[in-house]
Each structure stands twice: as C-alpha cells, then as structure tokens.
Amino acid sequence: MNKLALILRSILLSAALAGSALAAETVDINTADAATLDRVLDRVGPSKAEAIVAHRKQHGAFKSADELAEVKGIGLSTIELNRERIKVGAGARATAPAAAAKPKPKAPAPASN
C-alpha cells in the first residue's frame, strides 16, 4: 500500500508542477520595465533587463521576440528559453510606413452627358 501511495503522490506532484509551468507569466517586451523583465524572463538579470529597455528607447519597439538578439547579452538560446513568456504588443513597429498603409480616396468620376 505504501508503494501505491508514493506513486499517487508522485503523480499529483508532477501534475501540480506541470500546471504551474503552463501558467507561466508573460511579459510585453515593448511596455515592461526592467524590474518586470528581470522577474519574468529566465537568464535575464537586472543588467540585461536594463539593456533591453535602453535598446527599446533608442531603436523603438520590437516587432518580434527574435529582435531581442540585437540587445547585447541576449542570445538566441535565451530567447528560445523564454519564447512562451514573451509577448510583442503595444507599440510594435509597423512593417510599412503609415502613409503607404492608407490608400488615397479616389476622385469621383466625371459625369457623362
């Protein structure tokens, strides 16, 4: 009976840990402050978090998580480790200029007599 209880406890513990891993906190890299980036992202400490914020201020918002690799000290392995936690939302850079995105209204056709 003790073996069965041990197995059941192991299964319950595994399920609890898996559930907490699935509910990992996410962070918007375009709006988060350094403290939040440091807290949420694995392998990102205070100095790397500050570097992310400084890069964002200098170059504008990120349009993808992969652009974090442009930040000194952030590599692709860190991005992959955190991909499920990273959101790219508010302020994401547009891929085309705003003027190109809006078509100009057409002039009315001349009336025929």
PDB file of N, CA and C in Angstrom:
ATOM      1  N   MET A   1       0.816  -1.199   0.000  1.00  0.00           N
ATOM      2  CA  MET A   1       0.000   0.000   0.000  1.00  0.00           C
ATOM      3  C   MET A   1       0.856   1.258   0.000  1.00  0.00           C
ATOM      4  N   ASN A   2       2.016   1.214   0.670  1.00  0.00           N
ATOM      5  CA  ASN A   2       2.894   2.382   0.706  1.00  0.00           C
ATOM      6  C   ASN A   2       3.422   2.731  -0.676  1.00  0.00           C
ATOM      7  N   LYS A   3       3.673   1.711  -1.510  1.00  0.00           N
ATOM      8  CA  LYS A   3       4.151   1.959  -2.869  1.00  0.00           C
ATOM      9  C   LYS A   3       3.080   2.676  -3.688  1.00  0.00           C
ATOM     10  N   LEU A   4       1.853   2.257  -3.526  1.00  0.00           N
ATOM     11  CA  LEU A   4       0.750   2.895  -4.245  1.00  0.00           C
ATOM     12  C   LEU A   4       0.593   4.357  -3.813  1.00  0.00           C
ATOM     13  N   ALA A   5       0.711   4.623  -2.530  1.00  0.00           N
ATOM     14  CA  ALA A   5       0.608   5.995  -2.026  1.00  0.00           C
ATOM     15  C   ALA A   5       1.749   6.842  -2.564  1.00  0.00           C
ATOM     16  N   LEU A   6       2.937   6.284  -2.639  1.00  0.00           N
ATOM     17  CA  LEU A   6       4.092   7.012  -3.173  1.00  0.00           C
ATOM     18  C   LEU A   6       3.881   7.339  -4.653  1.00  0.00           C
ATOM     19  N   ILE A   7       3.378   6.381  -5.390  1.00  0.00           N
ATOM     20  CA  ILE A   7       3.119   6.603  -6.821  1.00  0.00           C
ATOM     21  C   ILE A   7       2.056   7.696  -7.001  1.00  0.00           C
ATOM     22  N   LEU A   8       0.984   7.633  -6.223  1.00  0.00           N
ATOM     23  CA  LEU A   8      -0.072   8.638  -6.325  1.00  0.00           C
ATOM     24  C   LEU A   8       0.445  10.029  -5.967  1.00  0.00           C
ATOM     25  N   ARG A   9       1.264  10.129  -4.928  1.00  0.00           N
ATOM     26  CA  ARG A   9       1.841  11.425  -4.558  1.00  0.00           C
ATOM     27  C   ARG A   9       2.738  11.956  -5.670  1.00  0.00           C
ATOM     28  N   SER A  10       3.509  11.077  -6.273  1.00  0.00           N
ATOM     29  CA  SER A  10       4.397  11.480  -7.371  1.00  0.00           C
ATOM     30  C   SER A  10       3.603  12.013  -8.554  1.00  0.00           C
ATOM     31  N   ILE A  11       2.517  11.323  -8.862  1.00  0.00           N
ATOM     32  CA  ILE A  11       1.664  11.763  -9.974  1.00  0.00           C
ATOM     33  C   ILE A  11       1.034  13.120  -9.662  1.00  0.00           C
ATOM     34  N   LEU A  12       0.535  13.294  -8.461  1.00  0.00           N
ATOM     35  CA  LEU A  12      -0.079  14.571  -8.075  1.00  0.00           C
ATOM     36  C   LEU A  12       0.945  15.707  -8.094  1.00  0.00           C
ATOM     37  N   LEU A  13       2.137  15.452  -7.611  1.00  0.00           N
ATOM     38  CA  LEU A  13       3.183  16.467  -7.618  1.00  0.00           C
ATOM     39  C   LEU A  13       3.566  16.834  -9.040  1.00  0.00           C
ATOM     40  N   SER A  14       3.692  15.838  -9.901  1.00  0.00           N
ATOM     41  CA  SER A  14       4.013  16.095 -11.311  1.00  0.00           C
ATOM     42  C   SER A  14       2.939  16.935 -11.981  1.00  0.00           C
ATOM     43  N   ALA A  15       1.689  16.608 -11.709  1.00  0.00           N
ATOM     44  CA  ALA A  15       0.575  17.362 -12.295  1.00  0.00           C
ATOM     45  C   ALA A  15       0.582  18.807 -11.798  1.00  0.00           C
ATOM     46  N   ALA A  16       0.863  18.993 -10.522  1.00  0.00           N
ATOM     47  CA  ALA A  16       0.894  20.346  -9.962  1.00  0.00           C
ATOM     48  C   ALA A  16       2.021  21.161 -10.581  1.00  0.00           C
ATOM     49  N   LEU A  17       3.184  20.556 -10.745  1.00  0.00           N
ATOM     50  CA  LEU A  17       4.316  21.267 -11.346  1.00  0.00           C
ATOM     51  C   LEU A  17       4.061  21.564 -12.817  1.00  0.00           C
ATOM     52  N   ALA A  18       3.468  20.630 -13.522  1.00  0.00           N
ATOM     53  CA  ALA A  18       3.156  20.858 -14.934  1.00  0.00           C
ATOM     54  C   ALA A  18       2.141  21.984 -15.079  1.00  0.00           C
ATOM     55  N   GLY A  19       1.166  22.039 -14.203  1.00  0.00           N
ATOM     56  CA  GLY A  19       0.161  23.101 -14.254  1.00  0.00           C
ATOM     57  C   GLY A  19       0.762  24.460 -14.021  1.00  0.00           C
ATOM     58  N   SER A  20       1.697  24.581 -13.090  1.00  0.00           N
ATOM     59  CA  SER A  20       2.321  25.879 -12.838  1.00  0.00           C
ATOM     60  C   SER A  20       3.221  26.285 -13.988  1.00  0.00           C
ATOM     61  N   ALA A  21       3.835  25.321 -14.653  1.00  0.00           N
ATOM     62  CA  ALA A  21       4.682  25.643 -15.802  1.00  0.00           C
ATOM     63  C   ALA A  21       3.834  26.146 -16.967  1.00  0.00           C
ATOM     64  N   LEU A  22       2.640  25.590 -17.122  1.00  0.00           N
ATOM     65  CA  LEU A  22       1.763  26.024 -18.207  1.00  0.00           C
ATOM     66  C   LEU A  22       1.197  27.414 -17.959  1.00  0.00           C
ATOM     67  N   ALA A  23       1.115  27.804 -16.706  1.00  0.00           N
ATOM     68  CA  ALA A  23       0.553  29.102 -16.361  1.00  0.00           C
ATOM     69  C   ALA A  23       1.651  30.135 -16.127  1.00  0.00           C
ATOM     70  N   ALA A  24       2.762  30.025 -16.851  1.00  0.00           N
ATOM     71  CA  ALA A  24       3.876  30.945 -16.679  1.00  0.00           C
ATOM     72  C   ALA A  24       3.443  32.369 -17.026  1.00  0.00           C
ATOM     73  N   GLU A  25       3.965  33.302 -16.285  1.00  0.00           N
ATOM     74  CA  GLU A  25       3.659  34.712 -16.514  1.00  0.00           C
ATOM     75  C   GLU A  25       4.266  35.151 -17.842  1.00  0.00           C
ATOM     76  N   THR A  26       3.582  36.047 -18.539  1.00  0.00           N
ATOM     77  CA  THR A  26       4.099  36.591 -19.793  1.00  0.00           C
ATOM     78  C   THR A  26       4.433  38.060 -19.595  1.00  0.00           C
ATOM     79  N   VAL A  27       5.241  38.590 -20.517  1.00  0.00           N
ATOM     80  CA  VAL A  27       5.656  39.979 -20.425  1.00  0.00           C
ATOM     81  C   VAL A  27       5.697  40.583 -21.831  1.00  0.00           C
ATOM     82  N   ASP A  28       5.169  41.777 -21.969  1.00  0.00           N
ATOM     83  CA  ASP A  28       5.229  42.507 -23.236  1.00  0.00           C
ATOM     84  C   ASP A  28       6.561  43.249 -23.263  1.00  0.00           C
ATOM     85  N   ILE A  29       7.448  42.846 -24.155  1.00  0.00           N
ATOM     86  CA  ILE A  29       8.789  43.436 -24.193  1.00  0.00           C
ATOM     87  C   ILE A  29       8.780  44.881 -24.695  1.00  0.00           C
ATOM     88  N   ASN A  30       7.648  45.351 -25.170  1.00  0.00           N
ATOM     89  CA  ASN A  30       7.552  46.739 -25.632  1.00  0.00           C
ATOM     90  C   ASN A  30       7.039  47.697 -24.570  1.00  0.00           C
ATOM     91  N   THR A  31       6.534  47.168 -23.465  1.00  0.00           N
ATOM     92  CA  THR A  31       6.000  48.064 -22.440  1.00  0.00           C
ATOM     93  C   THR A  31       6.553  47.787 -21.042  1.00  0.00           C
ATOM     94  N   ALA A  32       7.132  46.623 -20.828  1.00  0.00           N
ATOM     95  CA  ALA A  32       7.573  46.236 -19.485  1.00  0.00           C
ATOM     96  C   ALA A  32       8.782  47.047 -19.033  1.00  0.00           C
ATOM     97  N   ASP A  33       8.832  47.314 -17.743  1.00  0.00           N
ATOM     98  CA  ASP A  33      10.011  47.976 -17.182  1.00  0.00           C
ATOM     99  C   ASP A  33      11.075  46.922 -16.893  1.00  0.00           C
ATOM    100  N   ALA A  34      12.265  47.378 -16.546  1.00  0.00           N
ATOM    101  CA  ALA A  34      13.393  46.475 -16.327  1.00  0.00           C
ATOM    102  C   ALA A  34      13.120  45.484 -15.197  1.00  0.00           C
ATOM    103  N   ALA A  35      12.478  45.939 -14.133  1.00  0.00           N
ATOM    104  CA  ALA A  35      12.201  45.045 -12.997  1.00  0.00           C
ATOM    105  C   ALA A  35      11.298  43.883 -13.417  1.00  0.00           C
ATOM    106  N   THR A  36      10.304  44.163 -14.254  1.00  0.00           N
ATOM    107  CA  THR A  36       9.393  43.113 -14.712  1.00  0.00           C
ATOM    108  C   THR A  36      10.110  42.143 -15.644  1.00  0.00           C
ATOM    109  N   LEU A  37      10.917  42.671 -16.561  1.00  0.00           N
ATOM    110  CA  LEU A  37      11.681  41.809 -17.461  1.00  0.00           C
ATOM    111  C   LEU A  37      12.605  40.894 -16.664  1.00  0.00           C
ATOM    112  N   ASP A  38      13.262  41.446 -15.650  1.00  0.00           N
ATOM    113  CA  ASP A  38      14.161  40.684 -14.786  1.00  0.00           C
ATOM    114  C   ASP A  38      13.401  39.576 -14.060  1.00  0.00           C
ATOM    115  N   ARG A  39      12.215  39.874 -13.570  1.00  0.00           N
ATOM    116  CA  ARG A  39      11.434  38.913 -12.792  1.00  0.00           C
ATOM    117  C   ARG A  39      10.861  37.783 -13.650  1.00  0.00           C
ATOM    118  N   VAL A  40      10.376  38.110 -14.842  1.00  0.00           N
ATOM    119  CA  VAL A  40       9.631  37.136 -15.642  1.00  0.00           C
ATOM    120  C   VAL A  40      10.531  36.285 -16.540  1.00  0.00           C
ATOM    121  N   LEU A  41      11.558  36.878 -17.104  1.00  0.00           N
ATOM    122  CA  LEU A  41      12.374  36.160 -18.082  1.00  0.00           C
ATOM    123  C   LEU A  41      13.525  35.406 -17.421  1.00  0.00           C
ATOM    124  N   ASP A  42      13.673  34.143 -17.776  1.00  0.00           N
ATOM    125  CA  ASP A  42      14.788  33.341 -17.278  1.00  0.00           C
ATOM    126  C   ASP A  42      16.084  33.785 -17.958  1.00  0.00           C
ATOM    127  N   ARG A  43      17.169  33.746 -17.209  1.00  0.00           N
ATOM    128  CA  ARG A  43      18.507  34.129 -17.674  1.00  0.00           C
ATOM    129  C   ARG A  43      18.601  35.601 -18.069  1.00  0.00           C
ATOM    130  N   VAL A  44      17.675  36.409 -17.591  1.00  0.00           N
ATOM    131  CA  VAL A  44      17.730  37.855 -17.792  1.00  0.00           C
ATOM    132  C   VAL A  44      17.757  38.484 -16.410  1.00  0.00           C
ATOM    133  N   GLY A  45      18.916  39.020 -16.060  1.00  0.00           N
ATOM    134  CA  GLY A  45      19.062  39.681 -14.774  1.00  0.00           C
ATOM    135  C   GLY A  45      18.853  41.175 -14.913  1.00  0.00           C
ATOM    136  N   PRO A  46      19.162  41.930 -13.873  1.00  0.00           N
ATOM    137  CA  PRO A  46      18.927  43.378 -13.893  1.00  0.00           C
ATOM    138  C   PRO A  46      19.674  44.109 -15.010  1.00  0.00           C
ATOM    139  N   SER A  47      20.923  43.750 -15.272  1.00  0.00           N
ATOM    140  CA  SER A  47      21.681  44.483 -16.297  1.00  0.00           C
ATOM    141  C   SER A  47      21.166  44.186 -17.699  1.00  0.00           C
ATOM    142  N   LYS A  48      20.804  42.939 -17.988  1.00  0.00           N
ATOM    143  CA  LYS A  48      20.248  42.609 -19.309  1.00  0.00           C
ATOM    144  C   LYS A  48      18.863  43.237 -19.471  1.00  0.00           C
ATOM    145  N   ALA A  49      18.096  43.264 -18.398  1.00  0.00           N
ATOM    146  CA  ALA A  49      16.775  43.886 -18.453  1.00  0.00           C
ATOM    147  C   ALA A  49      16.907  45.382 -18.761  1.00  0.00           C
ATOM    148  N   GLU A  50      17.865  46.036 -18.122  1.00  0.00           N
ATOM    149  CA  GLU A  50      18.116  47.465 -18.401  1.00  0.00           C
ATOM    150  C   GLU A  50      18.566  47.648 -19.851  1.00  0.00           C
ATOM    151  N   ALA A  51      19.383  46.715 -20.363  1.00  0.00           N
ATOM    152  CA  ALA A  51      19.835  46.799 -21.751  1.00  0.00           C
ATOM    153  C   ALA A  51      18.668  46.666 -22.725  1.00  0.00           C
ATOM    154  N   ILE A  52      17.689  45.814 -22.398  1.00  0.00           N
ATOM    155  CA  ILE A  52      16.501  45.668 -23.247  1.00  0.00           C
ATOM    156  C   ILE A  52      15.722  46.979 -23.286  1.00  0.00           C
ATOM    157  N   VAL A  53      15.519  47.588 -22.130  1.00  0.00           N
ATOM    158  CA  VAL A  53      14.775  48.856 -22.063  1.00  0.00           C
ATOM    159  C   VAL A  53      15.533  49.952 -22.809  1.00  0.00           C
ATOM    160  N   ALA A  54      16.852  50.016 -22.628  1.00  0.00           N
ATOM    161  CA  ALA A  54      17.661  51.040 -23.312  1.00  0.00           C
ATOM    162  C   ALA A  54      17.604  50.849 -24.826  1.00  0.00           C
ATOM    163  N   HIS A  55      17.683  49.607 -25.290  1.00  0.00           N
ATOM    164  CA  HIS A  55      17.612  49.320 -26.730  1.00  0.00           C
ATOM    165  C   HIS A  55      16.254  49.750 -27.283  1.00  0.00           C
ATOM    166  N   ARG A  56      15.197  49.466 -26.541  1.00  0.00           N
ATOM    167  CA  ARG A  56      13.840  49.832 -26.968  1.00  0.00           C
ATOM    168  C   ARG A  56      13.695  51.350 -27.067  1.00  0.00           C
ATOM    169  N   LYS A  57      14.273  52.073 -26.097  1.00  0.00           N
ATOM    170  CA  LYS A  57      14.196  53.539 -26.125  1.00  0.00           C
ATOM    171  C   LYS A  57      14.979  54.114 -27.293  1.00  0.00           C
ATOM    172  N   GLN A  58      16.128  53.501 -27.604  1.00  0.00           N
ATOM    173  CA  GLN A  58      16.976  54.024 -28.674  1.00  0.00           C
ATOM    174  C   GLN A  58      16.470  53.652 -30.065  1.00  0.00           C
ATOM    175  N   HIS A  59      15.963  52.423 -30.227  1.00  0.00           N
ATOM    176  CA  HIS A  59      15.615  51.921 -31.554  1.00  0.00           C
ATOM    177  C   HIS A  59      14.117  51.784 -31.796  1.00  0.00           C
ATOM    178  N   GLY A  60      13.316  52.027 -30.791  1.00  0.00           N
ATOM    179  CA  GLY A  60      11.878  51.862 -30.943  1.00  0.00           C
ATOM    180  C   GLY A  60      11.436  50.470 -30.532  1.00  0.00           C
ATOM    181  N   ALA A  61      10.161  50.238 -30.635  1.00  0.00           N
ATOM    182  CA  ALA A  61       9.561  48.978 -30.173  1.00  0.00           C
ATOM    183  C   ALA A  61      10.045  47.785 -30.987  1.00  0.00           C
ATOM    184  N   PHE A  62      10.043  46.636 -30.340  1.00  0.00           N
ATOM    185  CA  PHE A  62      10.394  45.387 -31.009  1.00  0.00           C
ATOM    186  C   PHE A  62       9.196  44.924 -31.825  1.00  0.00           C
ATOM    187  N   LYS A  63       9.443  44.346 -33.001  1.00  0.00           N
ATOM    188  CA  LYS A  63       8.324  43.795 -33.767  1.00  0.00           C
ATOM    189  C   LYS A  63       8.259  42.275 -33.660  1.00  0.00           C
ATOM    190  N   SER A  64       9.305  41.657 -33.093  1.00  0.00           N
ATOM    191  CA  SER A  64       9.278  40.215 -32.840  1.00  0.00           C
ATOM    192  C   SER A  64      10.198  39.897 -31.674  1.00  0.00           C
ATOM    193  N   ALA A  65       9.976  38.751 -31.072  1.00  0.00           N
ATOM    194  CA  ALA A  65      10.835  38.317 -29.963  1.00  0.00           C
ATOM    195  C   ALA A  65      12.266  38.110 -30.442  1.00  0.00           C
ATOM    196  N   ASP A  66      12.431  37.692 -31.683  1.00  0.00           N
ATOM    197  CA  ASP A  66      13.770  37.438 -32.212  1.00  0.00           C
ATOM    198  C   ASP A  66      14.637  38.690 -32.244  1.00  0.00           C
ATOM    199  N   GLU A  67      14.025  39.855 -32.293  1.00  0.00           N
ATOM    200  CA  GLU A  67      14.795  41.103 -32.291  1.00  0.00           C
ATOM    201  C   GLU A  67      15.516  41.339 -30.966  1.00  0.00           C
ATOM    202  N   LEU A  68      15.147  40.609 -29.931  1.00  0.00           N
ATOM    203  CA  LEU A  68      15.872  40.724 -28.667  1.00  0.00           C
ATOM    204  C   LEU A  68      17.336  40.341 -28.833  1.00  0.00           C
ATOM    205  N   ALA A  69      17.657  39.550 -29.856  1.00  0.00           N
ATOM    206  CA  ALA A  69      19.041  39.145 -30.112  1.00  0.00           C
ATOM    207  C   ALA A  69      19.916  40.349 -30.471  1.00  0.00           C
ATOM    208  N   GLU A  70      19.303  41.462 -30.849  1.00  0.00           N
ATOM    209  CA  GLU A  70      20.060  42.683 -31.146  1.00  0.00           C
ATOM    210  C   GLU A  70      20.582  43.339 -29.871  1.00  0.00           C
ATOM    211  N   VAL A  71      20.061  42.941 -28.717  1.00  0.00           N
ATOM    212  CA  VAL A  71      20.459  43.508 -27.434  1.00  0.00           C
ATOM    213  C   VAL A  71      21.701  42.772 -26.948  1.00  0.00           C
ATOM    214  N   LYS A  72      22.728  43.529 -26.592  1.00  0.00           N
ATOM    215  CA  LYS A  72      23.967  42.923 -26.113  1.00  0.00           C
ATOM    216  C   LYS A  72      23.675  42.057 -24.885  1.00  0.00           C
ATOM    217  N   GLY A  73      24.153  40.820 -24.930  1.00  0.00           N
ATOM    218  CA  GLY A  73      23.965  39.902 -23.816  1.00  0.00           C
ATOM    219  C   GLY A  73      22.764  38.988 -23.943  1.00  0.00           C
ATOM    220  N   ILE A  74      21.924  39.220 -24.951  1.00  0.00           N
ATOM    221  CA  ILE A  74      20.749  38.366 -25.163  1.00  0.00           C
ATOM    222  C   ILE A  74      21.012  37.534 -26.415  1.00  0.00           C
ATOM    223  N   GLY A  75      21.052  36.236 -26.244  1.00  0.00           N
ATOM    224  CA  GLY A  75      21.293  35.338 -27.376  1.00  0.00           C
ATOM    225  C   GLY A  75      20.044  34.575 -27.748  1.00  0.00           C
ATOM    226  N   LEU A  76      20.154  33.832 -28.836  1.00  0.00           N
ATOM    227  CA  LEU A  76      19.008  33.064 -29.314  1.00  0.00           C
ATOM    228  C   LEU A  76      18.571  32.002 -28.311  1.00  0.00           C
ATOM    229  N   SER A  77      19.517  31.443 -27.553  1.00  0.00           N
ATOM    230  CA  SER A  77      19.128  30.424 -26.576  1.00  0.00           C
ATOM    231  C   SER A  77      18.269  31.027 -25.467  1.00  0.00           C
ATOM    232  N   THR A  78      18.559  32.258 -25.075  1.00  0.00           N
ATOM    233  CA  THR A  78      17.738  32.938 -24.063  1.00  0.00           C
ATOM    234  C   THR A  78      16.354  33.244 -24.615  1.00  0.00           C
ATOM    235  N   ILE A  79      16.300  33.634 -25.864  1.00  0.00           N
ATOM    236  CA  ILE A  79      15.005  33.916 -26.495  1.00  0.00           C
ATOM    237  C   ILE A  79      14.171  32.638 -26.565  1.00  0.00           C
ATOM    238  N   GLU A  80      14.773  31.543 -27.003  1.00  0.00           N
ATOM    239  CA  GLU A  80      14.044  30.274 -27.104  1.00  0.00           C
ATOM    240  C   GLU A  80      13.568  29.790 -25.735  1.00  0.00           C
ATOM    241  N   LEU A  81      14.401  29.952 -24.725  1.00  0.00           N
ATOM    242  CA  LEU A  81      14.038  29.556 -23.373  1.00  0.00           C
ATOM    243  C   LEU A  81      12.803  30.313 -22.886  1.00  0.00           C
ATOM    244  N   ASN A  82      12.658  31.566 -23.324  1.00  0.00           N
ATOM    245  CA  ASN A  82      11.583  32.438 -22.849  1.00  0.00           C
ATOM    246  C   ASN A  82      10.468  32.678 -23.860  1.00  0.00           C
ATOM    247  N   ARG A  83      10.517  32.028 -25.004  1.00  0.00           N
ATOM    248  CA  ARG A  83       9.575  32.335 -26.089  1.00  0.00           C
ATOM    249  C   ARG A  83       8.116  32.322 -25.628  1.00  0.00           C
ATOM    250  N   GLU A  84       7.727  31.393 -24.772  1.00  0.00           N
ATOM    251  CA  GLU A  84       6.337  31.306 -24.302  1.00  0.00           C
ATOM    252  C   GLU A  84       5.984  32.446 -23.355  1.00  0.00           C
ATOM    253  N   ARG A  85       6.968  33.093 -22.769  1.00  0.00           N
ATOM    254  CA  ARG A  85       6.728  34.183 -21.826  1.00  0.00           C
ATOM    255  C   ARG A  85       6.714  35.551 -22.520  1.00  0.00           C
ATOM    256  N   ILE A  86       7.283  35.626 -23.713  1.00  0.00           N
ATOM    257  CA  ILE A  86       7.462  36.909 -24.402  1.00  0.00           C
ATOM    258  C   ILE A  86       6.238  37.237 -25.243  1.00  0.00           C
ATOM    259  N   LYS A  87       5.704  38.440 -25.029  1.00  0.00           N
ATOM    260  CA  LYS A  87       4.644  38.984 -25.885  1.00  0.00           C
ATOM    261  C   LYS A  87       5.219  40.211 -26.581  1.00  0.00           C
ATOM    262  N   VAL A  88       4.797  40.430 -27.806  1.00  0.00           N
ATOM    263  CA  VAL A  88       5.192  41.620 -28.548  1.00  0.00           C
ATOM    264  C   VAL A  88       3.906  42.334 -28.901  1.00  0.00           C
ATOM    265  N   GLY A  89       3.600  43.341 -28.104  1.00  0.00           N
ATOM    266  CA  GLY A  89       2.323  44.009 -28.293  1.00  0.00           C
ATOM    267  C   GLY A  89       2.496  45.479 -28.528  1.00  0.00           C
ATOM    268  N   ALA A  90       1.963  46.230 -27.620  1.00  0.00           N
ATOM    269  CA  ALA A  90       1.872  47.684 -27.717  1.00  0.00           C
ATOM    270  C   ALA A  90       3.106  48.316 -28.322  1.00  0.00           C
ATOM    271  N   GLY A  91       2.875  49.110 -29.338  1.00  0.00           N
ATOM    272  CA  GLY A  91       3.958  49.883 -29.935  1.00  0.00           C
ATOM    273  C   GLY A  91       4.823  49.112 -30.903  1.00  0.00           C
ATOM    274  N   ALA A  92       4.450  47.878 -31.261  1.00  0.00           N
ATOM    275  CA  ALA A  92       5.270  47.113 -32.201  1.00  0.00           C
ATOM    276  C   ALA A  92       5.434  47.908 -33.483  1.00  0.00           C
ATOM    277  N   ARG A  93       6.660  47.920 -33.972  1.00  0.00           N
ATOM    278  CA  ARG A  93       6.963  48.693 -35.184  1.00  0.00           C
ATOM    279  C   ARG A  93       6.177  48.172 -36.370  1.00  0.00           C
ATOM    280  N   ALA A  94       5.656  49.086 -37.146  1.00  0.00           N
ATOM    281  CA  ALA A  94       4.934  48.709 -38.362  1.00  0.00           C
ATOM    282  C   ALA A  94       5.939  48.285 -39.419  1.00  0.00           C
ATOM    283  N   THR A  95       5.537  47.373 -40.283  1.00  0.00           N
ATOM    284  CA  THR A  95       6.433  46.910 -41.329  1.00  0.00           C
ATOM    285  C   THR A  95       6.414  47.841 -42.535  1.00  0.00           C
ATOM    286  N   ALA A  96       5.386  48.645 -42.654  1.00  0.00           N
ATOM    287  CA  ALA A  96       5.302  49.596 -43.760  1.00  0.00           C
ATOM    288  C   ALA A  96       4.992  50.972 -43.193  1.00  0.00           C
ATOM    289  N   PRO A  97       5.443  52.023 -43.867  1.00  0.00           N
ATOM    290  CA  PRO A  97       5.116  53.365 -43.383  1.00  0.00           C
ATOM    291  C   PRO A  97       3.613  53.575 -43.332  1.00  0.00           C
ATOM    292  N   ALA A  98       3.175  54.392 -42.411  1.00  0.00           N
ATOM    293  CA  ALA A  98       1.741  54.631 -42.229  1.00  0.00           C
ATOM    294  C   ALA A  98       1.094  55.192 -43.485  1.00  0.00           C
ATOM    295  N   ALA A  99       1.805  56.057 -44.206  1.00  0.00           N
ATOM    296  CA  ALA A  99       1.240  56.658 -45.415  1.00  0.00           C
ATOM    297  C   ALA A  99       0.968  55.592 -46.473  1.00  0.00           C
ATOM    298  N   ALA A 100       1.816  54.589 -46.543  1.00  0.00           N
ATOM    299  CA  ALA A 100       1.630  53.533 -47.538  1.00  0.00           C
ATOM    300  C   ALA A 100       0.480  52.613 -47.156  1.00  0.00           C
ATOM    301  N   ALA A 101       0.170  52.529 -45.889  1.00  0.00           N
ATOM    302  CA  ALA A 101      -0.879  51.632 -45.431  1.00  0.00           C
ATOM    303  C   ALA A 101      -2.268  52.148 -45.768  1.00  0.00           C
ATOM    304  N   LYS A 102      -2.445  53.470 -45.825  1.00  0.00           N
ATOM    305  CA  LYS A 102      -3.758  54.040 -46.116  1.00  0.00           C
ATOM    306  C   LYS A 102      -3.853  54.396 -47.603  1.00  0.00           C
ATOM    307  N   PRO A 103      -4.788  53.793 -48.320  1.00  0.00           N
ATOM    308  CA  PRO A 103      -4.949  54.186 -49.721  1.00  0.00           C
ATOM    309  C   PRO A 103      -5.606  55.559 -49.807  1.00  0.00           C
ATOM    310  N   LYS A 104      -5.219  56.310 -50.816  1.00  0.00           N
ATOM    311  CA  LYS A 104      -5.810  57.631 -51.021  1.00  0.00           C
ATOM    312  C   LYS A 104      -7.218  57.453 -51.574  1.00  0.00           C
ATOM    313  N   PRO A 105      -8.158  58.301 -51.147  1.00  0.00           N
ATOM    314  CA  PRO A 105      -9.516  58.174 -51.697  1.00  0.00           C
ATOM    315  C   PRO A 105      -9.512  58.561 -53.175  1.00  0.00           C
ATOM    316  N   LYS A 106     -10.331  57.854 -53.942  1.00  0.00           N
ATOM    317  CA  LYS A 106     -10.420  58.126 -55.374  1.00  0.00           C
ATOM    318  C   LYS A 106     -11.319  59.326 -55.627  1.00  0.00           C
ATOM    319  N   ALA A 107     -10.940  60.104 -56.619  1.00  0.00           N
ATOM    320  CA  ALA A 107     -11.768  61.255 -57.019  1.00  0.00           C
ATOM    321  C   ALA A 107     -12.996  60.700 -57.748  1.00  0.00           C
ATOM    322  N   PRO A 108     -14.127  61.396 -57.602  1.00  0.00           N
ATOM    323  CA  PRO A 108     -15.343  60.920 -58.294  1.00  0.00           C
ATOM    324  C   PRO A 108     -15.156  61.003 -59.805  1.00  0.00           C
ATOM    325  N   ALA A 109     -15.754  60.060 -60.500  1.00  0.00           N
ATOM    326  CA  ALA A 109     -15.666  60.027 -61.968  1.00  0.00           C
ATOM    327  C   ALA A 109     -16.472  61.187 -62.540  1.00  0.00           C
ATOM    328  N   PRO A 110     -15.970  61.788 -63.630  1.00  0.00           N
ATOM    329  CA  PRO A 110     -16.718  62.892 -64.245  1.00  0.00           C
ATOM    330  C   PRO A 110     -18.080  62.410 -64.767  1.00  0.00           C
ATOM    331  N   ALA A 111     -19.072  63.279 -64.630  1.00  0.00           N
ATOM    332  CA  ALA A 111     -20.428  62.934 -65.071  1.00  0.00           C
ATOM    333  C   ALA A 111     -20.501  62.939 -66.587  1.00  0.00           C
ATOM    334  N   SER A 112     -21.185  61.948 -67.182  1.00  0.00           N
ATOM    335  CA  SER A 112     -21.341  61.914 -68.630  1.00  0.00           C
ATOM    336  C   SER A 112     -22.687  62.528 -69.023  1.00  0.00           C
ATOM    337  N   ASN A 113     -22.683  63.224 -70.123  1.00  0.00           N
ATOM    338  CA  ASN A 113     -23.920  63.862 -70.602  1.00  0.00           C
ATOM    339  C   ASN A 113     -24.504  63.116 -71.717  1.00  0.00           C
TER     340      ASN A 113
END
